[in-house]
Amino acid sequence: MMTFLRNRMFLEGVAFGGICGFIIGSVIAFTLGESSVEALRKLLHRRRTIPFEYLYQ
């Protein structure tokens, strides 16, 4: 019986954390707006690209 209670509490914690994470992420995305998110994506994409002009040497 104790194992069932422990598993239930764990699953409730996972569900609660997932719901809270979804709500917090939605609030952050709504606050930043689409243009800020797109600018952040471009910045991250620019850092991941390889500068091929340095490889030609």
C-alpha atoms as a PDB file:
ATOM      1  CA  MET A   1       0.000   0.000   0.000  1.00  0.00           C
ATOM      2  CA  MET A   2       2.847   2.396   0.778  1.00  0.00           C
ATOM      3  CA  THR A   3       4.406   1.843  -2.675  1.00  0.00           C
ATOM      4  CA  PHE A   4       1.122   2.758  -4.359  1.00  0.00           C
ATOM      5  CA  LEU A   5       0.889   5.954  -2.304  1.00  0.00           C
ATOM      6  CA  ARG A   6       4.491   6.877  -3.125  1.00  0.00           C
ATOM      7  CA  ASN A   7       3.933   6.299  -6.852  1.00  0.00           C
ATOM      8  CA  ARG A   8       0.725   8.309  -6.764  1.00  0.00           C
ATOM      9  CA  MET A   9       2.457  11.249  -5.090  1.00  0.00           C
ATOM     10  CA  PHE A  10       5.240  11.077  -7.670  1.00  0.00           C
ATOM     11  CA  LEU A  11       2.780  11.099 -10.571  1.00  0.00           C
ATOM     12  CA  GLU A  12       0.834  13.967  -9.029  1.00  0.00           C
ATOM     13  CA  GLY A  13       4.088  15.902  -8.687  1.00  0.00           C
ATOM     14  CA  VAL A  14       5.006  15.250 -12.296  1.00  0.00           C
ATOM     15  CA  ALA A  15       1.555  16.357 -13.467  1.00  0.00           C
ATOM     16  CA  PHE A  16       1.628  19.472 -11.279  1.00  0.00           C
ATOM     17  CA  GLY A  17       5.122  20.396 -12.500  1.00  0.00           C
ATOM     18  CA  GLY A  18       4.122  19.908 -16.122  1.00  0.00           C
ATOM     19  CA  ILE A  19       1.068  22.107 -15.754  1.00  0.00           C
ATOM     20  CA  CYS A  20       3.034  24.825 -13.947  1.00  0.00           C
ATOM     21  CA  GLY A  21       5.785  24.685 -16.588  1.00  0.00           C
ATOM     22  CA  PHE A  22       3.243  25.030 -19.370  1.00  0.00           C
ATOM     23  CA  ILE A  23       1.609  28.023 -17.692  1.00  0.00           C
ATOM     24  CA  ILE A  24       4.915  29.765 -16.945  1.00  0.00           C
ATOM     25  CA  GLY A  25       6.180  29.133 -20.481  1.00  0.00           C
ATOM     26  CA  SER A  26       2.976  30.521 -21.963  1.00  0.00           C
ATOM     27  CA  VAL A  27       3.200  33.648 -19.828  1.00  0.00           C
ATOM     28  CA  ILE A  28       6.833  34.204 -20.846  1.00  0.00           C
ATOM     29  CA  ALA A  29       6.049  33.680 -24.528  1.00  0.00           C
ATOM     30  CA  PHE A  30       3.088  36.054 -24.350  1.00  0.00           C
ATOM     31  CA  THR A  31       5.171  38.674 -22.549  1.00  0.00           C
ATOM     32  CA  LEU A  32       8.097  38.526 -24.952  1.00  0.00           C
ATOM     33  CA  GLY A  33       5.988  38.566 -28.072  1.00  0.00           C
ATOM     34  CA  GLU A  34       6.643  37.006 -31.439  1.00  0.00           C
ATOM     35  CA  SER A  35       9.292  39.492 -32.614  1.00  0.00           C
ATOM     36  CA  SER A  36      11.490  38.975 -29.555  1.00  0.00           C
ATOM     37  CA  VAL A  37      11.266  35.207 -29.852  1.00  0.00           C
ATOM     38  CA  GLU A  38      12.162  35.383 -33.544  1.00  0.00           C
ATOM     39  CA  ALA A  39      15.155  37.625 -32.774  1.00  0.00           C
ATOM     40  CA  LEU A  40      16.322  35.145 -30.131  1.00  0.00           C
ATOM     41  CA  ARG A  41      15.984  32.254 -32.588  1.00  0.00           C
ATOM     42  CA  LYS A  42      18.052  34.140 -35.181  1.00  0.00           C
ATOM     43  CA  LEU A  43      20.739  34.868 -32.592  1.00  0.00           C
ATOM     44  CA  LEU A  44      20.940  31.222 -31.560  1.00  0.00           C
ATOM     45  CA  HIS A  45      20.970  30.057 -35.188  1.00  0.00           C
ATOM     46  CA  ARG A  46      23.773  32.488 -36.018  1.00  0.00           C
ATOM     47  CA  ARG A  47      25.915  31.059 -33.223  1.00  0.00           C
ATOM     48  CA  ARG A  48      25.430  27.486 -34.451  1.00  0.00           C
ATOM     49  CA  THR A  49      26.474  28.115 -38.046  1.00  0.00           C
ATOM     50  CA  ILE A  50      30.031  27.356 -39.083  1.00  0.00           C
ATOM     51  CA  PRO A  51      32.029  30.218 -40.646  1.00  0.00           C
ATOM     52  CA  PHE A  52      33.083  28.426 -43.814  1.00  0.00           C
ATOM     53  CA  GLU A  53      35.355  31.280 -44.964  1.00  0.00           C
ATOM     54  CA  TYR A  54      37.786  30.281 -42.208  1.00  0.00           C
ATOM     55  CA  LEU A  55      37.805  26.679 -43.367  1.00  0.00           C
ATOM     56  CA  TYR A  56      38.970  27.559 -46.893  1.00  0.00           C
ATOM     57  CA  GLN A  57      42.458  28.538 -45.695  1.00  0.00           C
END
